[in-house]
Amino acid sequence: MLELTLPGMTCGGCARGVTAAIKSVDPAAEVMTDVPGRTVRIESSAKAEAIKAAVAEAGYTAA
């Protein structure tokens, strides 16, 4: 389980973009976004660094 705080995730469109970025690394990943809390929880076999890189490439800074 990986949990990231994404201050720039402010709407459903952002959540879809973040989810797509994560799924590009691991299509089988379970992604749970919380837009009001600006967090995303990921269950994935992919490395955390790869997920963070994909999220950053999509334009979001992960804390």
PDB file of N, CA and C in Angstrom:
ATOM      1  N   MET A   1       0.851  -1.175   0.000  1.00  0.00           N
ATOM      2  CA  MET A   1       0.000   0.000   0.000  1.00  0.00           C
ATOM      3  C   MET A   1       0.895   1.236   0.000  1.00  0.00           C
ATOM      4  N   LEU A   2       0.596   2.123  -0.912  1.00  0.00           N
ATOM      5  CA  LEU A   2       1.314   3.396  -1.011  1.00  0.00           C
ATOM      6  C   LEU A   2       0.271   4.491  -0.926  1.00  0.00           C
ATOM      7  N   GLU A   3       0.506   5.493  -0.103  1.00  0.00           N
ATOM      8  CA  GLU A   3      -0.393   6.634  -0.018  1.00  0.00           C
ATOM      9  C   GLU A   3       0.395   7.890  -0.334  1.00  0.00           C
ATOM     10  N   LEU A   4      -0.146   8.680  -1.277  1.00  0.00           N
ATOM     11  CA  LEU A   4       0.499   9.920  -1.679  1.00  0.00           C
ATOM     12  C   LEU A   4      -0.437  11.085  -1.423  1.00  0.00           C
ATOM     13  N   THR A   5       0.122  12.200  -1.021  1.00  0.00           N
ATOM     14  CA  THR A   5      -0.620  13.448  -0.920  1.00  0.00           C
ATOM     15  C   THR A   5      -0.315  14.247  -2.179  1.00  0.00           C
ATOM     16  N   LEU A   6      -1.375  14.664  -2.864  1.00  0.00           N
ATOM     17  CA  LEU A   6      -1.231  15.405  -4.119  1.00  0.00           C
ATOM     18  C   LEU A   6      -1.939  16.745  -3.981  1.00  0.00           C
ATOM     19  N   PRO A   7      -1.233  17.786  -3.535  1.00  0.00           N
ATOM     20  CA  PRO A   7      -1.872  19.095  -3.329  1.00  0.00           C
ATOM     21  C   PRO A   7      -2.554  19.646  -4.575  1.00  0.00           C
ATOM     22  N   GLY A   8      -2.086  19.277  -5.761  1.00  0.00           N
ATOM     23  CA  GLY A   8      -2.651  19.803  -7.002  1.00  0.00           C
ATOM     24  C   GLY A   8      -3.869  19.049  -7.506  1.00  0.00           C
ATOM     25  N   MET A   9      -4.280  17.963  -6.832  1.00  0.00           N
ATOM     26  CA  MET A   9      -5.442  17.183  -7.268  1.00  0.00           C
ATOM     27  C   MET A   9      -6.694  17.834  -6.673  1.00  0.00           C
ATOM     28  N   THR A  10      -7.369  18.643  -7.499  1.00  0.00           N
ATOM     29  CA  THR A  10      -8.477  19.448  -6.977  1.00  0.00           C
ATOM     30  C   THR A  10      -9.849  19.095  -7.543  1.00  0.00           C
ATOM     31  N   CYS A  11      -9.904  18.150  -8.487  1.00  0.00           N
ATOM     32  CA  CYS A  11     -11.206  17.841  -9.097  1.00  0.00           C
ATOM     33  C   CYS A  11     -11.233  16.407  -9.608  1.00  0.00           C
ATOM     34  N   GLY A  12     -12.385  15.986 -10.073  1.00  0.00           N
ATOM     35  CA  GLY A  12     -12.535  14.641 -10.611  1.00  0.00           C
ATOM     36  C   GLY A  12     -11.663  14.404 -11.830  1.00  0.00           C
ATOM     37  N   GLY A  13     -11.474  15.425 -12.636  1.00  0.00           N
ATOM     38  CA  GLY A  13     -10.613  15.303 -13.806  1.00  0.00           C
ATOM     39  C   GLY A  13      -9.177  15.025 -13.400  1.00  0.00           C
ATOM     40  N   CYS A  14      -8.738  15.695 -12.351  1.00  0.00           N
ATOM     41  CA  CYS A  14      -7.391  15.455 -11.821  1.00  0.00           C
ATOM     42  C   CYS A  14      -7.280  14.013 -11.334  1.00  0.00           C
ATOM     43  N   ALA A  15      -8.292  13.556 -10.617  1.00  0.00           N
ATOM     44  CA  ALA A  15      -8.280  12.191 -10.089  1.00  0.00           C
ATOM     45  C   ALA A  15      -8.203  11.173 -11.225  1.00  0.00           C
ATOM     46  N   ARG A  16      -8.933  11.414 -12.306  1.00  0.00           N
ATOM     47  CA  ARG A  16      -8.884  10.509 -13.457  1.00  0.00           C
ATOM     48  C   ARG A  16      -7.492  10.521 -14.101  1.00  0.00           C
ATOM     49  N   GLY A  17      -6.890  11.691 -14.185  1.00  0.00           N
ATOM     50  CA  GLY A  17      -5.552  11.795 -14.758  1.00  0.00           C
ATOM     51  C   GLY A  17      -4.511  11.076 -13.922  1.00  0.00           C
ATOM     52  N   VAL A  18      -4.611  11.222 -12.605  1.00  0.00           N
ATOM     53  CA  VAL A  18      -3.690  10.546 -11.696  1.00  0.00           C
ATOM     54  C   VAL A  18      -3.883   9.036 -11.800  1.00  0.00           C
ATOM     55  N   THR A  19      -5.131   8.602 -11.823  1.00  0.00           N
ATOM     56  CA  THR A  19      -5.422   7.173 -11.931  1.00  0.00           C
ATOM     57  C   THR A  19      -4.861   6.611 -13.231  1.00  0.00           C
ATOM     58  N   ALA A  20      -5.055   7.312 -14.330  1.00  0.00           N
ATOM     59  CA  ALA A  20      -4.539   6.860 -15.621  1.00  0.00           C
ATOM     60  C   ALA A  20      -3.016   6.766 -15.595  1.00  0.00           C
ATOM     61  N   ALA A  21      -2.362   7.733 -14.963  1.00  0.00           N
ATOM     62  CA  ALA A  21      -0.902   7.719 -14.873  1.00  0.00           C
ATOM     63  C   ALA A  21      -0.417   6.492 -14.100  1.00  0.00           C
ATOM     64  N   ILE A  22      -1.088   6.193 -13.003  1.00  0.00           N
ATOM     65  CA  ILE A  22      -0.703   5.039 -12.185  1.00  0.00           C
ATOM     66  C   ILE A  22      -0.967   3.742 -12.952  1.00  0.00           C
ATOM     67  N   LYS A  23      -2.105   3.668 -13.616  1.00  0.00           N
ATOM     68  CA  LYS A  23      -2.450   2.461 -14.371  1.00  0.00           C
ATOM     69  C   LYS A  23      -1.533   2.264 -15.575  1.00  0.00           C
ATOM     70  N   SER A  24      -0.881   3.335 -16.042  1.00  0.00           N
ATOM     71  CA  SER A  24       0.076   3.174 -17.139  1.00  0.00           C
ATOM     72  C   SER A  24       1.313   2.411 -16.677  1.00  0.00           C
ATOM     73  N   VAL A  25       1.595   2.465 -15.383  1.00  0.00           N
ATOM     74  CA  VAL A  25       2.719   1.736 -14.802  1.00  0.00           C
ATOM     75  C   VAL A  25       2.295   0.310 -14.443  1.00  0.00           C
ATOM     76  N   ASP A  26       1.097   0.182 -13.867  1.00  0.00           N
ATOM     77  CA  ASP A  26       0.580  -1.122 -13.442  1.00  0.00           C
ATOM     78  C   ASP A  26      -0.919  -1.171 -13.725  1.00  0.00           C
ATOM     79  N   PRO A  27      -1.309  -1.754 -14.854  1.00  0.00           N
ATOM     80  CA  PRO A  27      -2.730  -1.809 -15.206  1.00  0.00           C
ATOM     81  C   PRO A  27      -3.599  -2.523 -14.169  1.00  0.00           C
ATOM     82  N   ALA A  28      -3.007  -3.384 -13.355  1.00  0.00           N
ATOM     83  CA  ALA A  28      -3.767  -4.119 -12.345  1.00  0.00           C
ATOM     84  C   ALA A  28      -3.835  -3.388 -11.004  1.00  0.00           C
ATOM     85  N   ALA A  29      -3.252  -2.211 -10.915  1.00  0.00           N
ATOM     86  CA  ALA A  29      -3.225  -1.470  -9.651  1.00  0.00           C
ATOM     87  C   ALA A  29      -4.636  -1.097  -9.209  1.00  0.00           C
ATOM     88  N   GLU A  30      -4.852  -1.130  -7.898  1.00  0.00           N
ATOM     89  CA  GLU A  30      -6.089  -0.618  -7.318  1.00  0.00           C
ATOM     90  C   GLU A  30      -5.787   0.793  -6.843  1.00  0.00           C
ATOM     91  N   VAL A  31      -6.541   1.761  -7.367  1.00  0.00           N
ATOM     92  CA  VAL A  31      -6.288   3.171  -7.080  1.00  0.00           C
ATOM     93  C   VAL A  31      -7.536   3.766  -6.439  1.00  0.00           C
ATOM     94  N   MET A  32      -7.372   4.341  -5.250  1.00  0.00           N
ATOM     95  CA  MET A  32      -8.475   4.973  -4.540  1.00  0.00           C
ATOM     96  C   MET A  32      -8.130   6.442  -4.316  1.00  0.00           C
ATOM     97  N   THR A  33      -8.837   7.329  -4.995  1.00  0.00           N
ATOM     98  CA  THR A  33      -8.554   8.757  -4.866  1.00  0.00           C
ATOM     99  C   THR A  33      -9.528   9.401  -3.888  1.00  0.00           C
ATOM    100  N   ASP A  34      -9.042  10.385  -3.171  1.00  0.00           N
ATOM    101  CA  ASP A  34      -9.845  11.191  -2.251  1.00  0.00           C
ATOM    102  C   ASP A  34      -9.572  12.650  -2.615  1.00  0.00           C
ATOM    103  N   VAL A  35     -10.431  13.195  -3.480  1.00  0.00           N
ATOM    104  CA  VAL A  35     -10.208  14.556  -3.977  1.00  0.00           C
ATOM    105  C   VAL A  35     -10.251  15.574  -2.840  1.00  0.00           C
ATOM    106  N   PRO A  36     -11.280  15.559  -1.961  1.00  0.00           N
ATOM    107  CA  PRO A  36     -11.284  16.558  -0.875  1.00  0.00           C
ATOM    108  C   PRO A  36     -10.047  16.470   0.020  1.00  0.00           C
ATOM    109  N   GLY A  37      -9.574  15.254   0.273  1.00  0.00           N
ATOM    110  CA  GLY A  37      -8.388  15.063   1.106  1.00  0.00           C
ATOM    111  C   GLY A  37      -7.098  15.185   0.324  1.00  0.00           C
ATOM    112  N   ARG A  38      -7.225  15.245  -1.014  1.00  0.00           N
ATOM    113  CA  ARG A  38      -6.080  15.348  -1.926  1.00  0.00           C
ATOM    114  C   ARG A  38      -5.057  14.237  -1.708  1.00  0.00           C
ATOM    115  N   THR A  39      -5.591  13.021  -1.547  1.00  0.00           N
ATOM    116  CA  THR A  39      -4.723  11.864  -1.379  1.00  0.00           C
ATOM    117  C   THR A  39      -5.120  10.772  -2.366  1.00  0.00           C
ATOM    118  N   VAL A  40      -4.173   9.884  -2.605  1.00  0.00           N
ATOM    119  CA  VAL A  40      -4.434   8.707  -3.431  1.00  0.00           C
ATOM    120  C   VAL A  40      -3.765   7.527  -2.742  1.00  0.00           C
ATOM    121  N   ARG A  41      -4.514   6.412  -2.640  1.00  0.00           N
ATOM    122  CA  ARG A  41      -3.988   5.175  -2.067  1.00  0.00           C
ATOM    123  C   ARG A  41      -3.873   4.171  -3.200  1.00  0.00           C
ATOM    124  N   ILE A  42      -2.733   3.515  -3.260  1.00  0.00           N
ATOM    125  CA  ILE A  42      -2.449   2.619  -4.365  1.00  0.00           C
ATOM    126  C   ILE A  42      -2.032   1.253  -3.836  1.00  0.00           C
ATOM    127  N   GLU A  43      -2.686   0.221  -4.335  1.00  0.00           N
ATOM    128  CA  GLU A  43      -2.268  -1.162  -4.096  1.00  0.00           C
ATOM    129  C   GLU A  43      -1.682  -1.629  -5.419  1.00  0.00           C
ATOM    130  N   SER A  44      -0.378  -1.886  -5.440  1.00  0.00           N
ATOM    131  CA  SER A  44       0.280  -2.211  -6.697  1.00  0.00           C
ATOM    132  C   SER A  44       1.546  -3.010  -6.429  1.00  0.00           C
ATOM    133  N   SER A  45       1.908  -3.804  -7.414  1.00  0.00           N
ATOM    134  CA  SER A  45       3.178  -4.532  -7.330  1.00  0.00           C
ATOM    135  C   SER A  45       4.329  -3.703  -7.908  1.00  0.00           C
ATOM    136  N   ALA A  46       4.004  -2.566  -8.514  1.00  0.00           N
ATOM    137  CA  ALA A  46       5.031  -1.685  -9.082  1.00  0.00           C
ATOM    138  C   ALA A  46       5.803  -0.979  -7.963  1.00  0.00           C
ATOM    139  N   LYS A  47       7.016  -0.580  -8.277  1.00  0.00           N
ATOM    140  CA  LYS A  47       7.841   0.138  -7.305  1.00  0.00           C
ATOM    141  C   LYS A  47       7.288   1.540  -7.077  1.00  0.00           C
ATOM    142  N   ALA A  48       7.386   2.012  -5.852  1.00  0.00           N
ATOM    143  CA  ALA A  48       6.891   3.339  -5.482  1.00  0.00           C
ATOM    144  C   ALA A  48       7.526   4.420  -6.347  1.00  0.00           C
ATOM    145  N   GLU A  49       8.810   4.276  -6.658  1.00  0.00           N
ATOM    146  CA  GLU A  49       9.503   5.286  -7.454  1.00  0.00           C
ATOM    147  C   GLU A  49       8.896   5.391  -8.850  1.00  0.00           C
ATOM    148  N   ALA A  50       8.513   4.258  -9.428  1.00  0.00           N
ATOM    149  CA  ALA A  50       7.905   4.258 -10.764  1.00  0.00           C
ATOM    150  C   ALA A  50       6.539   4.925 -10.741  1.00  0.00           C
ATOM    151  N   ILE A  51       5.788   4.674  -9.690  1.00  0.00           N
ATOM    152  CA  ILE A  51       4.465   5.297  -9.562  1.00  0.00           C
ATOM    153  C   ILE A  51       4.610   6.796  -9.382  1.00  0.00           C
ATOM    154  N   LYS A  52       5.511   7.215  -8.508  1.00  0.00           N
ATOM    155  CA  LYS A  52       5.727   8.642  -8.274  1.00  0.00           C
ATOM    156  C   LYS A  52       6.193   9.338  -9.550  1.00  0.00           C
ATOM    157  N   ALA A  53       7.050   8.680 -10.316  1.00  0.00           N
ATOM    158  CA  ALA A  53       7.535   9.264 -11.573  1.00  0.00           C
ATOM    159  C   ALA A  53       6.390   9.445 -12.561  1.00  0.00           C
ATOM    160  N   ALA A  54       5.488   8.465 -12.650  1.00  0.00           N
ATOM    161  CA  ALA A  54       4.349   8.570 -13.566  1.00  0.00           C
ATOM    162  C   ALA A  54       3.409   9.690 -13.138  1.00  0.00           C
ATOM    163  N   VAL A  55       3.191   9.826 -11.842  1.00  0.00           N
ATOM    164  CA  VAL A  55       2.334  10.893 -11.320  1.00  0.00           C
ATOM    165  C   VAL A  55       2.973  12.251 -11.615  1.00  0.00           C
ATOM    166  N   ALA A  56       4.285  12.353 -11.429  1.00  0.00           N
ATOM    167  CA  ALA A  56       4.990  13.607 -11.709  1.00  0.00           C
ATOM    168  C   ALA A  56       4.928  13.935 -13.199  1.00  0.00           C
ATOM    169  N   GLU A  57       5.076  12.929 -14.042  1.00  0.00           N
ATOM    170  CA  GLU A  57       5.011  13.143 -15.483  1.00  0.00           C
ATOM    171  C   GLU A  57       3.625  13.626 -15.905  1.00  0.00           C
ATOM    172  N   ALA A  58       2.595  13.230 -15.134  1.00  0.00           N
ATOM    173  CA  ALA A  58       1.235  13.690 -15.413  1.00  0.00           C
ATOM    174  C   ALA A  58       1.003  15.112 -14.901  1.00  0.00           C
ATOM    175  N   GLY A  59       1.998  15.670 -14.180  1.00  0.00           N
ATOM    176  CA  GLY A  59       1.906  17.066 -13.759  1.00  0.00           C
ATOM    177  C   GLY A  59       1.550  17.287 -12.305  1.00  0.00           C
ATOM    178  N   TYR A  60       1.666  16.240 -11.484  1.00  0.00           N
ATOM    179  CA  TYR A  60       1.294  16.375 -10.074  1.00  0.00           C
ATOM    180  C   TYR A  60       2.498  16.117  -9.201  1.00  0.00           C
ATOM    181  N   THR A  61       2.665  16.941  -8.188  1.00  0.00           N
ATOM    182  CA  THR A  61       3.737  16.779  -7.219  1.00  0.00           C
ATOM    183  C   THR A  61       3.223  15.924  -6.090  1.00  0.00           C
ATOM    184  N   ALA A  62       3.899  14.829  -5.829  1.00  0.00           N
ATOM    185  CA  ALA A  62       3.502  13.916  -4.756  1.00  0.00           C
ATOM    186  C   ALA A  62       4.326  14.197  -3.518  1.00  0.00           C
ATOM    187  N   ALA A  63       3.630  14.243  -2.394  1.00  0.00           N
ATOM    188  CA  ALA A  63       4.318  14.445  -1.110  1.00  0.00           C
ATOM    189  C   ALA A  63       4.316  13.139  -0.334  1.00  0.00           C
TER     190      ALA A  63
END
